Amino acid sequence: MGRFSVLSDRTDGSRGSLLAVSDLHVGMADNRPLVESLRPDSDEDWLIVAGDVAERIADVEWGLRLLADRFSRVVWAPGNHELWTPEQDPVQLRGQERYEHLVELCRSLGVVTPEDPYPLWPGPDGPVAVAPVFLLYDYSFRAPGTRTKEESLAYAHRTGVVCTDEFLLHPDPYPSRDAWCRARVARTEERLAAHDPGIPLVIAGHWPLVREPMDVLWYPEFAQWCGTGLTADWHRRFNVAAVVYGHLHIPRTTWYDGVRFEEVSIGYPREWRKRGHPRGLLRRILPYDGDGDGDGGSGSGDGAHDAAGQGSVSDGPAR
């Protein structure tokens, strides 16, 4: 997309922080007070929302409107829950039409989407482009001992670890979710390749860009709904300052090839009641001072969507 203008209303020289959160799940009554408590530290703070605000369109609008009214800028990427078509939702759009409806809703709220130019966050060391991405998954992170998508899905059905996407996330008009994923990856890769390499990127999406975060899943068969190998080298190919994702409900900081990956989910009540919020509800992505790296804490989650995981982590600075 070439160079983009800095989008900021700041006139006092303060740059604030680039913050992130995901997996708000505001359709759950106990999560609403948490989301209502999310506030910036300054009028200049930006917020990345990396998917899974809610399932029903009305709840997605409630959550994003609340945050857009509080933060200087909100940048959203969809998760799988926004793309579900639950029968309880009066909006029964499916697949691409549902996604396009969500994009228009976000634009009406002033929220940046993956279909918009990457806004430039004016950081203390120069501008950083925030790139929200919508990528899905292609079943390439297969269950142990399986060689094909069909074998991997059959394994999941035998063990009972099957993502609800199989029933509620419709790929229309694409023939499959993995076909939709390949189309999204190709479109996004083209945009990233056209971006000015002199301006660092924060890539923010719901699904991890690399396979390694799934190594800690309690149910490894759930990994097939967690991303695609097509993005495995993006953090090396492009000038990436940090990667933000959610989906796993295992909040932590990890490093791959010298690039910081931040899982920023709140998750389900049963999860955060167990682990608490030791790093706060919002994660500071930039400025990054590295305090606390290597603390070796542990992170666990019941899994965002019918799976679970735990593992050792490298904690970055808390907020």
Protein backbone atom coordinates (compact mmCIF):
# COMPACT_ATOMS: atom_id res chain seq x y z
CA MET A 1 0.00 0.00 0.00
CA GLY A 2 3.03 2.30 0.03
CA ARG A 3 3.46 5.11 2.52
CA PHE A 4 0.65 6.14 4.83
CA SER A 5 0.05 9.36 6.66
CA VAL A 6 0.34 9.50 10.43
CA LEU A 7 -3.19 9.40 11.82
CA SER A 8 -3.15 11.23 15.11
CA ASP A 9 -4.92 14.08 16.84
CA ARG A 10 -2.02 14.69 19.22
CA THR A 11 -0.86 18.25 19.59
CA ASP A 12 0.87 18.21 22.99
CA GLY A 13 3.91 16.15 22.02
CA SER A 14 2.76 13.17 24.11
CA ARG A 15 2.63 9.93 22.18
CA GLY A 16 0.88 7.64 24.63
CA SER A 17 1.05 3.86 24.30
CA LEU A 18 0.05 1.24 21.78
CA LEU A 19 -1.98 -1.27 23.81
CA ALA A 20 -3.61 -4.56 22.88
CA VAL A 21 -6.27 -7.01 24.03
CA SER A 22 -8.23 -9.86 22.49
CA ASP A 23 -10.87 -12.47 23.23
CA LEU A 24 -13.14 -10.12 25.16
CA HIS A 25 -16.15 -12.46 24.83
CA VAL A 26 -18.59 -9.83 25.97
CA GLY A 27 -21.50 -12.18 25.33
CA MET A 28 -20.53 -13.76 28.66
CA ALA A 29 -22.06 -11.75 31.50
CA ASP A 30 -18.98 -11.99 33.74
CA ASN A 31 -16.73 -10.58 31.02
CA ARG A 32 -18.75 -7.39 30.50
CA PRO A 33 -17.55 -5.70 33.71
CA LEU A 34 -13.96 -6.46 32.69
CA VAL A 35 -14.46 -4.80 29.33
CA GLU A 36 -16.24 -1.87 30.95
CA SER A 37 -13.16 -1.39 33.13
CA LEU A 38 -10.78 -1.02 30.16
CA ARG A 39 -9.52 2.55 30.02
CA PRO A 40 -6.48 4.30 28.57
CA ASP A 41 -3.77 5.79 30.74
CA SER A 42 -3.74 8.88 28.55
CA ASP A 43 -5.84 10.50 25.85
CA GLU A 44 -3.20 9.46 23.30
CA ASP A 45 -3.37 5.70 23.85
CA TRP A 46 -4.26 3.45 20.92
CA LEU A 47 -5.85 0.01 21.35
CA ILE A 48 -5.53 -3.10 19.19
CA VAL A 49 -8.48 -5.51 19.56
CA ALA A 50 -7.31 -8.82 18.09
CA GLY A 51 -10.63 -10.56 17.64
CA ASP A 52 -13.35 -12.44 19.47
CA VAL A 53 -15.23 -9.46 20.82
CA ALA A 54 -18.44 -11.51 20.72
CA GLU A 55 -20.62 -13.76 18.58
CA ARG A 56 -23.70 -11.59 18.06
CA ILE A 57 -23.33 -8.45 15.96
CA ALA A 58 -25.09 -6.33 18.60
CA ASP A 59 -22.56 -7.41 21.24
CA VAL A 60 -19.64 -6.72 18.90
CA GLU A 61 -21.02 -3.23 18.35
CA TRP A 62 -21.45 -2.66 22.09
CA GLY A 63 -17.86 -3.63 22.84
CA LEU A 64 -16.20 -1.74 20.01
CA ARG A 65 -18.32 1.37 20.53
CA LEU A 66 -17.37 1.44 24.21
CA LEU A 67 -13.66 1.20 23.39
CA ALA A 68 -13.77 3.59 20.44
CA ASP A 69 -15.27 6.23 22.72
CA ARG A 70 -12.37 5.89 25.17
CA PHE A 71 -9.20 5.33 23.14
CA SER A 72 -7.58 7.72 20.67
CA ARG A 73 -7.76 4.99 18.01
CA VAL A 74 -9.03 1.43 17.97
CA VAL A 75 -7.70 -1.12 15.47
CA TRP A 76 -9.71 -4.35 15.06
CA ALA A 77 -9.08 -7.70 13.41
CA PRO A 78 -11.80 -10.37 13.44
CA GLY A 79 -11.64 -13.60 15.35
CA ASN A 80 -13.57 -16.74 14.58
CA HIS A 81 -16.35 -15.86 17.04
CA GLU A 82 -17.33 -12.69 15.17
CA LEU A 83 -17.56 -14.80 12.01
CA TRP A 84 -19.91 -17.40 13.52
CA THR A 85 -23.56 -17.29 12.50
CA PRO A 86 -25.34 -18.39 15.68
CA GLU A 87 -29.07 -18.93 15.34
CA GLN A 88 -29.62 -16.57 18.29
CA ASP A 89 -28.27 -13.63 16.29
CA PRO A 90 -30.90 -11.65 14.37
CA VAL A 91 -28.16 -10.93 11.80
CA GLN A 92 -27.93 -14.21 9.90
CA LEU A 93 -25.26 -13.18 7.39
CA ARG A 94 -22.66 -15.83 6.63
CA GLY A 95 -19.04 -15.93 5.53
CA GLN A 96 -17.71 -13.05 3.46
CA GLU A 97 -20.98 -11.12 3.75
CA ARG A 98 -20.80 -11.29 7.54
CA TYR A 99 -17.19 -10.09 7.50
CA GLU A 100 -18.06 -7.20 5.19
CA HIS A 101 -20.94 -6.25 7.47
CA LEU A 102 -18.54 -6.17 10.43
CA VAL A 103 -16.10 -4.01 8.46
CA GLU A 104 -18.82 -1.47 7.72
CA LEU A 105 -19.92 -1.53 11.36
CA CYS A 106 -16.35 -0.80 12.46
CA ARG A 107 -15.99 2.03 9.99
CA SER A 108 -19.20 3.60 11.29
CA LEU A 109 -17.58 3.60 14.75
CA GLY A 110 -14.25 5.00 13.52
CA VAL A 111 -12.51 1.64 14.12
CA VAL A 112 -9.71 0.59 11.74
CA THR A 113 -10.17 -2.79 10.00
CA PRO A 114 -7.99 -5.08 7.85
CA GLU A 115 -9.58 -3.46 4.80
CA ASP A 116 -8.28 0.02 5.65
CA PRO A 117 -4.86 1.68 5.18
CA TYR A 118 -2.47 0.80 7.99
CA PRO A 119 -2.51 3.68 10.47
CA LEU A 120 0.84 4.97 11.69
CA TRP A 121 1.29 5.08 15.43
CA PRO A 122 3.70 7.98 16.09
CA GLY A 123 6.04 6.34 18.54
CA PRO A 124 9.00 7.94 20.32
CA ASP A 125 11.46 6.32 17.89
CA GLY A 126 9.45 7.15 14.80
CA PRO A 127 6.21 5.94 13.24
CA VAL A 128 5.14 2.31 13.37
CA ALA A 129 2.45 0.94 11.04
CA VAL A 130 -0.27 -1.07 12.76
CA ALA A 131 -1.40 -3.78 10.35
CA PRO A 132 -4.60 -5.59 11.36
CA VAL A 133 -4.85 -8.88 9.46
CA PHE A 134 -7.64 -11.38 8.83
CA LEU A 135 -6.12 -14.73 7.85
CA LEU A 136 -8.11 -17.72 9.20
CA TYR A 137 -6.48 -21.20 9.07
CA ASP A 138 -5.98 -23.99 6.55
CA TYR A 139 -5.68 -27.15 8.70
CA SER A 140 -1.93 -27.31 8.03
CA PHE A 141 -1.17 -27.53 11.79
CA ARG A 142 -2.37 -31.10 11.86
CA ALA A 143 -3.12 -33.44 14.74
CA PRO A 144 -0.26 -35.72 15.87
CA GLY A 145 0.41 -38.62 13.53
CA THR A 146 -1.85 -37.38 10.73
CA ARG A 147 -0.79 -36.44 7.22
CA THR A 148 -3.86 -34.86 5.64
CA LYS A 149 -6.64 -32.47 6.59
CA GLU A 150 -9.12 -35.33 6.47
CA GLU A 151 -7.04 -37.51 8.80
CA SER A 152 -6.51 -34.61 11.19
CA LEU A 153 -10.23 -33.78 11.36
CA ALA A 154 -11.09 -37.45 11.85
CA TYR A 155 -8.62 -37.61 14.75
CA ALA A 156 -10.25 -34.56 16.35
CA HIS A 157 -13.72 -36.06 16.02
CA ARG A 158 -12.52 -39.30 17.62
CA THR A 159 -11.08 -37.44 20.60
CA GLY A 160 -14.03 -35.04 20.87
CA VAL A 161 -11.87 -31.92 20.46
CA VAL A 162 -13.68 -30.22 17.58
CA CYS A 163 -13.77 -26.45 17.13
CA THR A 164 -17.25 -24.92 16.98
CA ASP A 165 -16.14 -23.28 13.73
CA GLU A 166 -16.97 -26.58 12.01
CA PHE A 167 -20.63 -25.88 12.70
CA LEU A 168 -21.00 -22.08 12.86
CA LEU A 169 -18.23 -20.46 10.76
CA HIS A 170 -19.44 -20.64 7.16
CA PRO A 171 -16.96 -19.81 4.37
CA ASP A 172 -19.53 -18.64 1.77
CA PRO A 173 -18.90 -18.01 -1.10
CA TYR A 174 -15.64 -19.95 -0.75
CA PRO A 175 -15.89 -23.76 -0.91
CA SER A 176 -14.10 -24.19 2.43
CA ARG A 177 -12.53 -22.28 5.30
CA ASP A 178 -9.07 -23.25 4.07
CA ALA A 179 -9.84 -21.84 0.62
CA TRP A 180 -10.97 -18.60 2.27
CA CYS A 181 -7.75 -18.65 4.31
CA ARG A 182 -5.57 -18.97 1.21
CA ALA A 183 -7.36 -16.05 -0.42
CA ARG A 184 -6.92 -13.90 2.70
CA VAL A 185 -3.24 -14.81 3.02
CA ALA A 186 -2.55 -13.91 -0.61
CA ARG A 187 -4.34 -10.55 -0.29
CA THR A 188 -2.61 -9.70 2.99
CA GLU A 189 0.84 -10.77 1.79
CA GLU A 190 0.49 -8.49 -1.22
CA ARG A 191 -0.34 -5.54 1.03
CA LEU A 192 2.54 -6.24 3.40
CA ALA A 193 4.98 -6.55 0.51
CA ALA A 194 3.85 -3.16 -0.83
CA HIS A 195 4.34 -1.46 2.54
CA ASP A 196 7.34 0.86 2.94
CA PRO A 197 10.02 -1.41 4.48
CA GLY A 198 11.52 1.57 6.27
CA ILE A 199 8.48 1.80 8.55
CA PRO A 200 8.29 -1.03 11.11
CA LEU A 201 5.08 -3.04 11.39
CA VAL A 202 3.04 -4.33 14.28
CA ILE A 203 1.09 -7.20 12.72
CA ALA A 204 -2.09 -7.82 14.69
CA GLY A 205 -4.45 -10.70 14.01
CA HIS A 206 -6.46 -13.28 15.86
CA TRP A 207 -4.53 -16.39 14.82
CA PRO A 208 -0.77 -16.88 15.44
CA LEU A 209 1.54 -16.41 12.45
CA VAL A 210 3.74 -19.36 13.43
CA ARG A 211 3.18 -22.91 14.63
CA GLU A 212 5.30 -22.77 17.80
CA PRO A 213 2.69 -21.20 20.16
CA MET A 214 0.57 -24.34 19.77
CA ASP A 215 3.31 -26.51 21.28
CA VAL A 216 1.82 -25.83 24.73
CA LEU A 217 -1.76 -26.90 23.93
CA TRP A 218 -3.18 -29.54 26.22
CA TYR A 219 -5.09 -30.85 23.20
CA PRO A 220 -2.67 -30.66 20.25
CA GLU A 221 -5.40 -31.58 17.77
CA PHE A 222 -6.87 -28.11 18.31
CA ALA A 223 -3.87 -26.59 16.51
CA GLN A 224 -5.47 -27.22 13.11
CA TRP A 225 -7.88 -24.34 13.81
CA CYS A 226 -5.07 -21.99 14.87
CA GLY A 227 -3.37 -20.69 11.75
CA THR A 228 -1.48 -21.59 8.60
CA GLY A 229 2.08 -22.46 7.67
CA LEU A 230 1.80 -19.94 4.83
CA THR A 231 2.64 -17.12 7.25
CA ALA A 232 5.56 -18.83 9.02
CA ASP A 233 8.24 -16.49 7.64
CA TRP A 234 6.36 -13.19 7.66
CA HIS A 235 8.01 -11.98 10.87
CA ARG A 236 11.39 -12.49 9.14
CA ARG A 237 10.49 -11.30 5.63
CA PHE A 238 8.96 -8.02 6.71
CA ASN A 239 10.19 -5.31 9.04
CA VAL A 240 8.16 -6.45 12.06
CA ALA A 241 8.49 -4.77 15.45
CA ALA A 242 6.00 -7.11 17.15
CA VAL A 243 3.22 -9.59 16.42
CA VAL A 244 -0.05 -9.48 18.37
CA TYR A 245 -2.51 -12.38 18.45
CA GLY A 246 -5.11 -14.10 20.63
CA HIS A 247 -7.29 -17.20 20.14
CA LEU A 248 -5.35 -19.55 22.41
CA HIS A 249 -6.43 -17.97 25.72
CA ILE A 250 -2.83 -18.39 26.91
CA PRO A 251 -1.65 -14.81 27.52
CA ARG A 252 2.14 -14.61 27.35
CA THR A 253 5.15 -13.16 25.55
CA THR A 254 7.38 -15.34 23.38
CA TRP A 255 10.20 -14.62 20.94
CA TYR A 256 10.83 -16.23 17.55
CA ASP A 257 13.86 -15.25 15.46
CA GLY A 258 14.31 -12.17 17.64
CA VAL A 259 10.73 -10.94 17.07
CA ARG A 260 8.34 -10.48 19.99
CA PHE A 261 4.97 -12.28 19.85
CA GLU A 262 2.28 -11.18 22.30
CA GLU A 263 -0.79 -13.32 23.07
CA VAL A 264 -3.14 -10.77 24.62
CA SER A 265 -6.40 -12.61 25.35
CA ILE A 266 -8.72 -12.12 28.31
CA GLY A 267 -10.51 -15.43 27.71
CA TYR A 268 -13.41 -17.12 29.44
CA PRO A 269 -14.39 -16.52 33.11
CA ARG A 270 -13.40 -20.08 34.08
CA GLU A 271 -9.89 -19.31 32.81
CA TRP A 272 -9.23 -15.85 34.21
CA ARG A 273 -10.73 -16.78 37.57
CA LYS A 274 -8.13 -19.53 37.80
CA ARG A 275 -5.07 -17.57 36.65
CA GLY A 276 -6.12 -14.00 37.49
CA HIS A 277 -4.75 -11.11 35.48
CA PRO A 278 -1.13 -10.87 36.67
CA ARG A 279 -0.14 -8.57 33.78
CA GLY A 280 -3.34 -6.55 33.71
CA LEU A 281 -6.10 -6.68 31.14
CA LEU A 282 -4.30 -4.56 28.55
CA ARG A 283 -0.84 -5.36 27.17
CA ARG A 284 1.54 -2.55 26.28
CA ILE A 285 3.01 -3.36 22.88
CA LEU A 286 4.90 -0.08 22.40
CA PRO A 287 6.91 1.59 23.78
CA TYR A 288 8.61 -1.62 24.82
CA ASP A 289 11.26 -1.50 27.54
CA GLY A 290 11.81 -5.23 28.02
CA ASP A 291 11.47 -5.14 31.80
CA GLY A 292 10.63 -8.56 33.17
CA ASP A 293 11.78 -10.60 30.17
CA GLY A 294 12.84 -14.07 31.14
CA ASP A 295 10.76 -14.24 34.31
CA GLY A 296 9.71 -17.71 33.23
CA GLY A 297 6.16 -17.52 34.51
CA SER A 298 3.54 -20.04 33.42
CA GLY A 299 0.48 -19.48 31.31
CA SER A 300 -2.51 -21.73 30.86
CA GLY A 301 -5.92 -21.65 29.30
CA ASP A 302 -8.86 -23.91 28.73
CA GLY A 303 -8.37 -23.03 25.10
CA ALA A 304 -10.31 -20.39 23.26
CA HIS A 305 -12.55 -22.79 21.43
CA ASP A 306 -12.86 -26.30 22.93
CA ALA A 307 -9.15 -26.84 23.55
CA ALA A 308 -6.63 -26.21 26.30
CA GLY A 309 -3.00 -25.43 26.86
CA GLN A 310 -0.27 -24.48 29.25
CA GLY A 311 3.43 -23.81 29.08
CA SER A 312 6.34 -21.76 30.30
CA VAL A 313 6.48 -18.21 29.06
CA SER A 314 8.77 -15.22 28.84
CA ASP A 315 6.99 -12.31 30.45
CA GLY A 316 7.50 -8.83 29.12
CA PRO A 317 6.62 -5.60 30.90
CA ALA A 318 3.30 -5.69 32.68
CA ARG A 319 0.70 -3.00 32.57
